[in-house]
Amino acid sequence: MFDGVAERYDRTNTILSFGRDRSWRHATRDALDLRHGDVVLDLGAGTGVSTEELARSGATAIGVDISLGMLRAGKKARPDTILLAGDALALPFADQTFDAVTISFALRNVHDTEAALREMARVTKPGGRLVVCEFSHPTSAPFRRLYLEYLMRALPSVARRVASNPDAYVYLAESIRAWPDQAGLAAKLQATGWGEVGWQNLTGGIVALHRGTRSDGPR
């Protein structure tokens, strides 16, 4: 599915999010508090637009995705960005490789959420940082109703005009609606080797940044 939307993926996301995707990437980079010399894993990197953003911090950013179509589009658009093929459930890295790890709008697409979080903990150094940028639940009930209306009706309609595979965005809407709320995802982080867990709502809770610190390793 992601191979089929790769060529117009970044443009479509910007249109569907009314340009908010850029601010969400900036917030993710800031939350990671990256330093020169850090090595950061950007899991579910897709075309590497998020990996490119992370590299602006001065850290070495390595993007990994399972979709070869997305990676090909990313290599074409961003030839200087490090993009590798890999599976979130079996990362091709040794234990304790990264100072930080992040995954943006991709954890929903992994078959086993908790196994992916444990795998991310495995490749992160003790004390290393995790930021999960993911769609979540708006905190205001009226806003949530309006958001769900857009998500389930307007988003697929807009996608038919701008996306190369509109059916993929029907899946997108359904997966967002079924995703755990902020507290639910925080509980998953705590159960899989991450400590000091908390979250920050963005755009009224449409998106949440969940933070964690690698504690005693995968469980």
Protein backbone atom coordinates (compact mmCIF):
# COMPACT_ATOMS: atom_id res chain seq x y z
CA MET A 1 0.00 0.00 0.00
CA PHE A 2 2.74 2.48 0.91
CA ASP A 3 4.69 1.63 -2.22
CA GLY A 4 1.64 2.78 -4.16
CA VAL A 5 1.42 6.22 -2.54
CA ALA A 6 5.15 6.96 -2.32
CA GLU A 7 5.57 9.44 -5.17
CA ARG A 8 2.96 11.91 -3.87
CA TYR A 9 3.06 10.95 -0.20
CA ASP A 10 4.71 14.06 1.25
CA ARG A 11 2.62 16.50 -0.77
CA THR A 12 -0.60 14.68 0.11
CA ASN A 13 0.21 14.71 3.83
CA THR A 14 0.86 18.45 3.77
CA ILE A 15 -2.47 19.08 2.05
CA LEU A 16 -4.48 16.78 4.33
CA SER A 17 -2.92 18.23 7.50
CA PHE A 18 -3.35 21.84 6.31
CA GLY A 19 0.43 22.25 6.55
CA ARG A 20 0.62 21.19 10.21
CA ASP A 21 2.89 18.24 9.34
CA ARG A 22 5.86 20.62 9.23
CA SER A 23 5.29 21.90 12.77
CA TRP A 24 4.83 18.32 14.03
CA ARG A 25 8.23 17.38 12.60
CA HIS A 26 9.84 20.41 14.23
CA ALA A 27 8.24 19.54 17.58
CA THR A 28 9.52 15.96 17.34
CA ARG A 29 13.07 17.13 16.71
CA ASP A 30 12.89 19.57 19.62
CA ALA A 31 11.47 16.91 21.96
CA LEU A 32 14.37 14.55 21.19
CA ASP A 33 16.85 17.20 22.37
CA LEU A 34 19.48 15.97 19.92
CA ARG A 35 23.10 17.04 20.22
CA HIS A 36 26.07 17.04 17.86
CA GLY A 37 27.54 13.56 17.89
CA ASP A 38 24.27 11.80 18.73
CA VAL A 39 23.08 8.98 16.49
CA VAL A 40 19.30 8.86 16.12
CA LEU A 41 17.11 6.18 14.53
CA ASP A 42 14.10 7.44 12.58
CA LEU A 43 11.92 4.35 12.31
CA GLY A 44 9.13 4.25 9.74
CA ALA A 45 10.96 7.05 7.96
CA GLY A 46 9.15 6.63 4.65
CA THR A 47 10.61 9.08 2.15
CA GLY A 48 12.99 10.51 4.74
CA VAL A 49 11.38 13.92 5.19
CA SER A 50 11.46 13.37 8.96
CA THR A 51 15.02 12.00 8.84
CA GLU A 52 16.14 15.11 6.98
CA GLU A 53 14.54 17.25 9.67
CA LEU A 54 16.33 15.37 12.46
CA ALA A 55 19.70 15.76 10.72
CA ARG A 56 19.33 19.55 10.93
CA SER A 57 20.08 19.21 14.65
CA GLY A 58 23.65 18.13 13.86
CA ALA A 59 23.02 14.53 14.89
CA THR A 60 23.57 11.58 12.57
CA ALA A 61 20.06 10.54 11.55
CA ILE A 62 19.40 7.09 10.09
CA GLY A 63 16.01 6.45 8.54
CA VAL A 64 14.59 2.93 8.32
CA ASP A 65 11.41 1.77 6.57
CA ILE A 66 9.97 -1.51 5.33
CA SER A 67 8.48 0.00 2.14
CA LEU A 68 11.00 -0.14 -0.69
CA GLY A 69 8.81 2.17 -2.76
CA MET A 70 8.93 4.86 -0.09
CA LEU A 71 12.69 4.45 0.23
CA ARG A 72 13.18 4.76 -3.53
CA ALA A 73 11.14 7.97 -3.57
CA GLY A 74 13.15 9.25 -0.63
CA LYS A 75 16.49 8.48 -2.22
CA LYS A 76 15.39 10.35 -5.32
CA ALA A 77 14.23 13.42 -3.39
CA ARG A 78 16.90 13.40 -0.66
CA PRO A 79 20.06 11.69 -1.98
CA ASP A 80 22.17 12.81 1.00
CA THR A 81 19.82 11.35 3.63
CA ILE A 82 20.68 7.94 5.11
CA LEU A 83 17.76 5.60 4.37
CA LEU A 84 17.84 1.85 4.94
CA ALA A 85 15.37 -1.02 4.53
CA GLY A 86 14.36 -2.72 7.74
CA ASP A 87 11.56 -4.26 9.77
CA ALA A 88 10.43 -2.57 13.01
CA LEU A 89 10.03 -6.02 14.59
CA ALA A 90 13.58 -7.15 13.74
CA LEU A 91 15.81 -4.10 13.44
CA PRO A 92 19.16 -4.68 11.69
CA PHE A 93 21.21 -3.08 14.49
CA ALA A 94 23.15 -4.29 17.51
CA ASP A 95 21.94 -3.72 21.06
CA GLN A 96 22.44 -0.20 22.47
CA THR A 97 23.37 1.41 19.14
CA PHE A 98 21.42 4.69 19.29
CA ASP A 99 21.37 7.72 21.57
CA ALA A 100 17.76 8.35 20.59
CA VAL A 101 15.00 6.74 18.56
CA THR A 102 11.81 8.12 17.11
CA ILE A 103 8.86 6.94 15.04
CA SER A 104 6.40 9.34 13.43
CA PHE A 105 2.94 8.30 12.20
CA ALA A 106 4.11 4.73 11.67
CA LEU A 107 3.65 2.87 14.95
CA ARG A 108 -0.02 2.32 14.03
CA ASN A 109 1.12 0.43 10.96
CA VAL A 110 3.27 -2.11 12.79
CA HIS A 111 1.63 -5.50 13.32
CA ASP A 112 2.69 -5.76 16.99
CA THR A 113 2.97 -2.39 18.75
CA GLU A 114 4.51 -3.66 21.96
CA ALA A 115 7.06 -5.84 20.17
CA ALA A 116 8.15 -2.80 18.14
CA LEU A 117 8.53 -0.72 21.32
CA ARG A 118 10.64 -3.47 22.89
CA GLU A 119 12.78 -3.65 19.76
CA MET A 120 13.31 0.11 19.86
CA ALA A 121 14.35 -0.19 23.51
CA ARG A 122 16.81 -2.94 22.59
CA VAL A 123 18.74 -0.76 20.13
CA THR A 124 18.75 2.32 22.39
CA LYS A 125 21.55 3.04 24.85
CA PRO A 126 20.70 3.13 28.57
CA GLY A 127 19.37 6.59 29.31
CA GLY A 128 18.59 7.10 25.61
CA ARG A 129 15.47 8.92 24.52
CA LEU A 130 12.35 7.86 22.64
CA VAL A 131 9.78 10.14 21.03
CA VAL A 132 6.68 8.68 19.38
CA CYS A 133 4.85 11.20 17.21
CA GLU A 134 1.44 9.74 16.43
CA PHE A 135 -2.17 10.67 15.84
CA SER A 136 -4.15 10.64 19.07
CA HIS A 137 -7.44 11.75 20.64
CA PRO A 138 -8.44 15.45 20.73
CA THR A 139 -8.98 16.50 24.33
CA SER A 140 -12.10 18.58 23.68
CA ALA A 141 -15.26 16.53 23.04
CA PRO A 142 -16.75 19.00 20.51
CA PHE A 143 -13.41 19.26 18.69
CA ARG A 144 -13.09 15.47 18.68
CA ARG A 145 -16.51 15.11 17.04
CA LEU A 146 -15.55 17.66 14.37
CA TYR A 147 -12.20 15.96 13.84
CA LEU A 148 -13.76 12.51 13.43
CA GLU A 149 -16.21 13.93 10.92
CA TYR A 150 -13.29 15.27 8.87
CA LEU A 151 -11.34 12.06 9.32
CA MET A 152 -14.04 9.66 8.19
CA ARG A 153 -15.76 11.75 5.51
CA ALA A 154 -13.73 14.72 4.29
CA LEU A 155 -10.25 13.15 4.36
CA PRO A 156 -11.06 10.32 1.92
CA SER A 157 -12.83 12.82 -0.34
CA VAL A 158 -9.80 15.14 -0.42
CA ALA A 159 -7.49 12.16 -0.90
CA ARG A 160 -9.38 11.18 -4.06
CA ARG A 161 -8.30 14.51 -5.56
CA VAL A 162 -4.66 14.62 -4.49
CA ALA A 163 -3.43 11.11 -3.64
CA SER A 164 -2.12 8.45 -6.02
CA ASN A 165 -3.96 5.72 -4.08
CA PRO A 166 -7.01 7.18 -2.30
CA ASP A 167 -7.99 3.83 -0.78
CA ALA A 168 -4.87 4.00 1.36
CA TYR A 169 -6.30 7.06 3.08
CA VAL A 170 -9.49 5.21 3.98
CA TYR A 171 -7.22 2.82 5.88
CA LEU A 172 -5.42 5.82 7.38
CA ALA A 173 -8.65 7.26 8.76
CA GLU A 174 -9.82 3.93 10.17
CA SER A 175 -6.47 3.19 11.82
CA ILE A 176 -6.42 6.62 13.50
CA ARG A 177 -9.93 6.16 14.88
CA ALA A 178 -9.00 2.76 16.35
CA TRP A 179 -5.70 3.91 17.91
CA PRO A 180 -5.34 4.11 21.73
CA ASP A 181 -5.67 7.45 23.46
CA GLN A 182 -2.76 9.23 25.13
CA ALA A 183 -2.91 7.28 28.39
CA GLY A 184 -3.33 4.00 26.54
CA LEU A 185 -0.17 4.47 24.49
CA ALA A 186 1.74 5.68 27.56
CA ALA A 187 0.87 2.40 29.29
CA LYS A 188 2.32 0.46 26.35
CA LEU A 189 5.59 2.40 26.61
CA GLN A 190 5.83 1.71 30.33
CA ALA A 191 5.24 -2.01 29.75
CA THR A 192 8.05 -2.36 27.20
CA GLY A 193 11.19 -1.04 28.85
CA TRP A 194 10.62 2.73 28.80
CA GLY A 195 10.69 4.92 31.88
CA GLU A 196 9.92 8.58 32.60
CA VAL A 197 6.98 8.31 30.21
CA GLY A 198 4.87 11.35 29.43
CA TRP A 199 3.20 13.08 26.54
CA GLN A 200 2.59 16.48 24.98
CA ASN A 201 -0.55 17.21 22.97
CA LEU A 202 -0.17 19.04 19.67
CA THR A 203 -2.99 20.71 17.71
CA GLY A 204 -5.51 20.05 20.45
CA GLY A 205 -4.59 16.39 20.78
CA ILE A 206 -4.93 15.48 17.10
CA VAL A 207 -1.28 14.49 17.50
CA ALA A 208 0.60 13.59 20.67
CA LEU A 209 4.32 13.33 21.33
CA HIS A 210 5.00 10.48 23.75
CA ARG A 211 8.40 10.59 25.44
CA GLY A 212 10.31 7.87 27.22
CA THR A 213 13.78 7.07 28.53
CA ARG A 214 15.41 3.70 28.06
CA SER A 215 15.44 2.23 31.55
CA ASP A 216 16.46 -1.36 32.27
CA GLY A 217 16.05 -2.59 28.72
CA PRO A 218 13.43 -4.57 26.81
CA ARG A 219 10.89 -6.70 28.72
